[in-house]
Amino acid sequence: MKHALLPAALALVIAIGAVATQVCPVDKTTMTATGETREEEGKTLAEYRCEKGHVYWIAVD
């Protein structure tokens, strides 16, 4: 049972890290998740936007 929870725990840690540390590659400002998601090639992508309007879709799983 312990081994079954390990992948889920690891995915959660990665997702939290991805959400907490996104920086816009154009102007180096903090990016904020918009709440929009989509599926692409089996991956879940979340939309992030910086204060200047640059938009990026970042894999969250």
PDB file of N, CA and C in Angstrom:
ATOM      1  N   MET A   1       0.818  -1.198   0.000  1.00  0.00           N
ATOM      2  CA  MET A   1       0.000   0.000   0.000  1.00  0.00           C
ATOM      3  C   MET A   1       0.864   1.267   0.000  1.00  0.00           C
ATOM      4  N   LYS A   2       1.994   1.249   0.721  1.00  0.00           N
ATOM      5  CA  LYS A   2       2.875   2.415   0.745  1.00  0.00           C
ATOM      6  C   LYS A   2       3.347   2.777  -0.655  1.00  0.00           C
ATOM      7  N   HIS A   3       3.682   1.751  -1.428  1.00  0.00           N
ATOM      8  CA  HIS A   3       4.217   2.004  -2.767  1.00  0.00           C
ATOM      9  C   HIS A   3       3.155   2.553  -3.712  1.00  0.00           C
ATOM     10  N   ALA A   4       1.903   2.288  -3.454  1.00  0.00           N
ATOM     11  CA  ALA A   4       0.827   2.811  -4.294  1.00  0.00           C
ATOM     12  C   ALA A   4       0.661   4.315  -4.092  1.00  0.00           C
ATOM     13  N   LEU A   5       0.948   4.808  -2.912  1.00  0.00           N
ATOM     14  CA  LEU A   5       0.794   6.234  -2.635  1.00  0.00           C
ATOM     15  C   LEU A   5       1.984   7.070  -3.096  1.00  0.00           C
ATOM     16  N   LEU A   6       3.120   6.452  -3.291  1.00  0.00           N
ATOM     17  CA  LEU A   6       4.327   7.174  -3.671  1.00  0.00           C
ATOM     18  C   LEU A   6       4.175   7.963  -4.976  1.00  0.00           C
ATOM     19  N   PRO A   7       3.670   7.363  -6.066  1.00  0.00           N
ATOM     20  CA  PRO A   7       3.522   8.149  -7.296  1.00  0.00           C
ATOM     21  C   PRO A   7       2.565   9.329  -7.138  1.00  0.00           C
ATOM     22  N   ALA A   8       1.477   9.133  -6.402  1.00  0.00           N
ATOM     23  CA  ALA A   8       0.524  10.222  -6.183  1.00  0.00           C
ATOM     24  C   ALA A   8       1.161  11.345  -5.374  1.00  0.00           C
ATOM     25  N   ALA A   9       1.914  10.990  -4.349  1.00  0.00           N
ATOM     26  CA  ALA A   9       2.581  11.995  -3.529  1.00  0.00           C
ATOM     27  C   ALA A   9       3.624  12.763  -4.342  1.00  0.00           C
ATOM     28  N   LEU A  10       4.359  12.060  -5.166  1.00  0.00           N
ATOM     29  CA  LEU A  10       5.369  12.700  -6.009  1.00  0.00           C
ATOM     30  C   LEU A  10       4.719  13.650  -7.010  1.00  0.00           C
ATOM     31  N   ALA A  11       3.622  13.230  -7.623  1.00  0.00           N
ATOM     32  CA  ALA A  11       2.905  14.085  -8.572  1.00  0.00           C
ATOM     33  C   ALA A  11       2.396  15.349  -7.882  1.00  0.00           C
ATOM     34  N   LEU A  12       1.906  15.203  -6.663  1.00  0.00           N
ATOM     35  CA  LEU A  12       1.421  16.361  -5.917  1.00  0.00           C
ATOM     36  C   LEU A  12       2.547  17.347  -5.626  1.00  0.00           C
ATOM     37  N   VAL A  13       3.689  16.854  -5.216  1.00  0.00           N
ATOM     38  CA  VAL A  13       4.838  17.720  -4.926  1.00  0.00           C
ATOM     39  C   VAL A  13       5.279  18.457  -6.187  1.00  0.00           C
ATOM     40  N   ILE A  14       5.319  17.754  -7.303  1.00  0.00           N
ATOM     41  CA  ILE A  14       5.711  18.381  -8.575  1.00  0.00           C
ATOM     42  C   ILE A  14       4.702  19.447  -8.974  1.00  0.00           C
ATOM     43  N   ALA A  15       3.422  19.143  -8.849  1.00  0.00           N
ATOM     44  CA  ALA A  15       2.378  20.104  -9.219  1.00  0.00           C
ATOM     45  C   ALA A  15       2.437  21.354  -8.352  1.00  0.00           C
ATOM     46  N   ILE A  16       2.637  21.180  -7.062  1.00  0.00           N
ATOM     47  CA  ILE A  16       2.732  22.337  -6.165  1.00  0.00           C
ATOM     48  C   ILE A  16       3.955  23.180  -6.523  1.00  0.00           C
ATOM     49  N   GLY A  17       5.064  22.545  -6.813  1.00  0.00           N
ATOM     50  CA  GLY A  17       6.264  23.271  -7.217  1.00  0.00           C
ATOM     51  C   GLY A  17       6.055  24.020  -8.516  1.00  0.00           C
ATOM     52  N   ALA A  18       5.350  23.398  -9.438  1.00  0.00           N
ATOM     53  CA  ALA A  18       5.083  24.046 -10.731  1.00  0.00           C
ATOM     54  C   ALA A  18       4.197  25.268 -10.549  1.00  0.00           C
ATOM     55  N   VAL A  19       3.200  25.170  -9.698  1.00  0.00           N
ATOM     56  CA  VAL A  19       2.282  26.281  -9.465  1.00  0.00           C
ATOM     57  C   VAL A  19       2.974  27.419  -8.733  1.00  0.00           C
ATOM     58  N   ALA A  20       3.838  27.095  -7.800  1.00  0.00           N
ATOM     59  CA  ALA A  20       4.408  28.103  -6.916  1.00  0.00           C
ATOM     60  C   ALA A  20       5.546  28.900  -7.530  1.00  0.00           C
ATOM     61  N   THR A  21       6.166  28.418  -8.603  1.00  0.00           N
ATOM     62  CA  THR A  21       7.408  29.053  -9.043  1.00  0.00           C
ATOM     63  C   THR A  21       7.445  29.432 -10.521  1.00  0.00           C
ATOM     64  N   GLN A  22       6.325  29.704 -11.129  1.00  0.00           N
ATOM     65  CA  GLN A  22       6.352  30.033 -12.554  1.00  0.00           C
ATOM     66  C   GLN A  22       6.772  31.486 -12.769  1.00  0.00           C
ATOM     67  N   VAL A  23       7.745  31.675 -13.647  1.00  0.00           N
ATOM     68  CA  VAL A  23       8.260  33.003 -13.973  1.00  0.00           C
ATOM     69  C   VAL A  23       8.165  33.181 -15.484  1.00  0.00           C
ATOM     70  N   CYS A  24       7.709  34.336 -15.910  1.00  0.00           N
ATOM     71  CA  CYS A  24       7.579  34.628 -17.332  1.00  0.00           C
ATOM     72  C   CYS A  24       8.962  34.649 -17.980  1.00  0.00           C
ATOM     73  N   PRO A  25       9.166  33.854 -19.040  1.00  0.00           N
ATOM     74  CA  PRO A  25      10.475  33.837 -19.684  1.00  0.00           C
ATOM     75  C   PRO A  25      10.778  35.114 -20.461  1.00  0.00           C
ATOM     76  N   VAL A  26       9.764  35.924 -20.750  1.00  0.00           N
ATOM     77  CA  VAL A  26       9.974  37.153 -21.517  1.00  0.00           C
ATOM     78  C   VAL A  26      10.439  38.296 -20.617  1.00  0.00           C
ATOM     79  N   ASP A  27       9.693  38.553 -19.543  1.00  0.00           N
ATOM     80  CA  ASP A  27      10.020  39.718 -18.713  1.00  0.00           C
ATOM     81  C   ASP A  27      10.372  39.384 -17.259  1.00  0.00           C
ATOM     82  N   LYS A  28      10.465  38.094 -16.947  1.00  0.00           N
ATOM     83  CA  LYS A  28      10.904  37.614 -15.625  1.00  0.00           C
ATOM     84  C   LYS A  28       9.996  38.018 -14.471  1.00  0.00           C
ATOM     85  N   THR A  29       8.724  38.325 -14.746  1.00  0.00           N
ATOM     86  CA  THR A  29       7.765  38.604 -13.683  1.00  0.00           C
ATOM     87  C   THR A  29       7.056  37.303 -13.303  1.00  0.00           C
ATOM     88  N   THR A  30       6.396  37.316 -12.151  1.00  0.00           N
ATOM     89  CA  THR A  30       5.681  36.140 -11.678  1.00  0.00           C
ATOM     90  C   THR A  30       4.457  35.898 -12.541  1.00  0.00           C
ATOM     91  N   MET A  31       4.218  34.630 -12.865  1.00  0.00           N
ATOM     92  CA  MET A  31       3.038  34.254 -13.639  1.00  0.00           C
ATOM     93  C   MET A  31       1.983  33.698 -12.691  1.00  0.00           C
ATOM     94  N   THR A  32       0.738  33.945 -13.011  1.00  0.00           N
ATOM     95  CA  THR A  32      -0.387  33.502 -12.202  1.00  0.00           C
ATOM     96  C   THR A  32      -1.239  32.535 -13.006  1.00  0.00           C
ATOM     97  N   ALA A  33      -1.666  31.453 -12.362  1.00  0.00           N
ATOM     98  CA  ALA A  33      -2.557  30.489 -13.021  1.00  0.00           C
ATOM     99  C   ALA A  33      -3.916  31.150 -13.225  1.00  0.00           C
ATOM    100  N   THR A  34      -4.482  30.978 -14.424  1.00  0.00           N
ATOM    101  CA  THR A  34      -5.790  31.561 -14.723  1.00  0.00           C
ATOM    102  C   THR A  34      -6.926  30.628 -14.332  1.00  0.00           C
ATOM    103  N   GLY A  35      -6.620  29.376 -14.077  1.00  0.00           N
ATOM    104  CA  GLY A  35      -7.649  28.395 -13.763  1.00  0.00           C
ATOM    105  C   GLY A  35      -8.093  27.586 -14.969  1.00  0.00           C
ATOM    106  N   GLU A  36      -7.649  27.987 -16.145  1.00  0.00           N
ATOM    107  CA  GLU A  36      -7.981  27.263 -17.373  1.00  0.00           C
ATOM    108  C   GLU A  36      -7.038  26.076 -17.542  1.00  0.00           C
ATOM    109  N   THR A  37      -7.576  24.942 -17.954  1.00  0.00           N
ATOM    110  CA  THR A  37      -6.760  23.762 -18.240  1.00  0.00           C
ATOM    111  C   THR A  37      -7.200  23.154 -19.554  1.00  0.00           C
ATOM    112  N   ARG A  38      -6.318  22.338 -20.128  1.00  0.00           N
ATOM    113  CA  ARG A  38      -6.660  21.579 -21.333  1.00  0.00           C
ATOM    114  C   ARG A  38      -5.793  20.334 -21.379  1.00  0.00           C
ATOM    115  N   GLU A  39      -6.232  19.365 -22.140  1.00  0.00           N
ATOM    116  CA  GLU A  39      -5.494  18.120 -22.332  1.00  0.00           C
ATOM    117  C   GLU A  39      -4.829  18.167 -23.698  1.00  0.00           C
ATOM    118  N   GLU A  40      -3.557  17.787 -23.747  1.00  0.00           N
ATOM    119  CA  GLU A  40      -2.836  17.751 -25.015  1.00  0.00           C
ATOM    120  C   GLU A  40      -1.821  16.616 -24.970  1.00  0.00           C
ATOM    121  N   GLU A  41      -1.950  15.679 -25.888  1.00  0.00           N
ATOM    122  CA  GLU A  41      -1.054  14.523 -25.971  1.00  0.00           C
ATOM    123  C   GLU A  41      -0.944  13.788 -24.638  1.00  0.00           C
ATOM    124  N   GLY A  42      -2.083  13.626 -23.951  1.00  0.00           N
ATOM    125  CA  GLY A  42      -2.103  12.893 -22.689  1.00  0.00           C
ATOM    126  C   GLY A  42      -1.613  13.669 -21.481  1.00  0.00           C
ATOM    127  N   LYS A  43      -1.302  14.939 -21.649  1.00  0.00           N
ATOM    128  CA  LYS A  43      -0.817  15.779 -20.543  1.00  0.00           C
ATOM    129  C   LYS A  43      -1.871  16.833 -20.211  1.00  0.00           C
ATOM    130  N   THR A  44      -1.961  17.170 -18.929  1.00  0.00           N
ATOM    131  CA  THR A  44      -2.818  18.266 -18.504  1.00  0.00           C
ATOM    132  C   THR A  44      -1.973  19.530 -18.495  1.00  0.00           C
ATOM    133  N   LEU A  45      -2.458  20.548 -19.185  1.00  0.00           N
ATOM    134  CA  LEU A  45      -1.768  21.833 -19.245  1.00  0.00           C
ATOM    135  C   LEU A  45      -2.597  22.884 -18.523  1.00  0.00           C
ATOM    136  N   ALA A  46      -1.940  23.761 -17.795  1.00  0.00           N
ATOM    137  CA  ALA A  46      -2.602  24.866 -17.110  1.00  0.00           C
ATOM    138  C   ALA A  46      -2.142  26.173 -17.749  1.00  0.00           C
ATOM    139  N   GLU A  47      -3.070  27.100 -17.893  1.00  0.00           N
ATOM    140  CA  GLU A  47      -2.746  28.395 -18.487  1.00  0.00           C
ATOM    141  C   GLU A  47      -2.211  29.340 -17.411  1.00  0.00           C
ATOM    142  N   TYR A  48      -1.091  29.967 -17.706  1.00  0.00           N
ATOM    143  CA  TYR A  48      -0.480  30.966 -16.824  1.00  0.00           C
ATOM    144  C   TYR A  48      -0.329  32.262 -17.597  1.00  0.00           C
ATOM    145  N   ARG A  49      -0.491  33.387 -16.876  1.00  0.00           N
ATOM    146  CA  ARG A  49      -0.387  34.708 -17.503  1.00  0.00           C
ATOM    147  C   ARG A  49       0.415  35.620 -16.587  1.00  0.00           C
ATOM    148  N   CYS A  50       1.308  36.408 -17.182  1.00  0.00           N
ATOM    149  CA  CYS A  50       2.052  37.382 -16.373  1.00  0.00           C
ATOM    150  C   CYS A  50       1.309  38.708 -16.396  1.00  0.00           C
ATOM    151  N   GLU A  51       1.789  39.664 -15.606  1.00  0.00           N
ATOM    152  CA  GLU A  51       1.095  40.950 -15.498  1.00  0.00           C
ATOM    153  C   GLU A  51       1.100  41.755 -16.796  1.00  0.00           C
ATOM    154  N   LYS A  52       2.019  41.425 -17.700  1.00  0.00           N
ATOM    155  CA  LYS A  52       2.066  42.130 -18.985  1.00  0.00           C
ATOM    156  C   LYS A  52       1.273  41.420 -20.081  1.00  0.00           C
ATOM    157  N   GLY A  53       0.634  40.294 -19.715  1.00  0.00           N
ATOM    158  CA  GLY A  53      -0.264  39.621 -20.651  1.00  0.00           C
ATOM    159  C   GLY A  53       0.308  38.454 -21.415  1.00  0.00           C
ATOM    160  N   HIS A  54       1.572  38.096 -21.198  1.00  0.00           N
ATOM    161  CA  HIS A  54       2.135  36.929 -21.877  1.00  0.00           C
ATOM    162  C   HIS A  54       1.447  35.681 -21.329  1.00  0.00           C
ATOM    163  N   VAL A  55       1.070  34.758 -22.213  1.00  0.00           N
ATOM    164  CA  VAL A  55       0.346  33.557 -21.820  1.00  0.00           C
ATOM    165  C   VAL A  55       1.153  32.323 -22.196  1.00  0.00           C
ATOM    166  N   TYR A  56       1.227  31.387 -21.255  1.00  0.00           N
ATOM    167  CA  TYR A  56       1.919  30.115 -21.496  1.00  0.00           C
ATOM    168  C   TYR A  56       1.075  28.994 -20.942  1.00  0.00           C
ATOM    169  N   TRP A  57       1.087  27.863 -21.632  1.00  0.00           N
ATOM    170  CA  TRP A  57       0.445  26.636 -21.170  1.00  0.00           C
ATOM    171  C   TRP A  57       1.543  25.736 -20.633  1.00  0.00           C
ATOM    172  N   ILE A  58       1.453  25.391 -19.349  1.00  0.00           N
ATOM    173  CA  ILE A  58       2.497  24.642 -18.671  1.00  0.00           C
ATOM    174  C   ILE A  58       1.950  23.300 -18.189  1.00  0.00           C
ATOM    175  N   ALA A  59       2.690  22.225 -18.462  1.00  0.00           N
ATOM    176  CA  ALA A  59       2.257  20.889 -18.030  1.00  0.00           C
ATOM    177  C   ALA A  59       2.238  20.810 -16.512  1.00  0.00           C
ATOM    178  N   VAL A  60       1.160  20.250 -15.970  1.00  0.00           N
ATOM    179  CA  VAL A  60       1.034  20.122 -14.524  1.00  0.00           C
ATOM    180  C   VAL A  60       1.019  18.673 -14.066  1.00  0.00           C
ATOM    181  N   ASP A  61       1.141  17.732 -14.996  1.00  0.00           N
ATOM    182  CA  ASP A  61       1.235  16.326 -14.593  1.00  0.00           C
ATOM    183  C   ASP A  61       2.234  15.582 -15.417  1.00  0.00           C
TER     184      ASP A  61
END
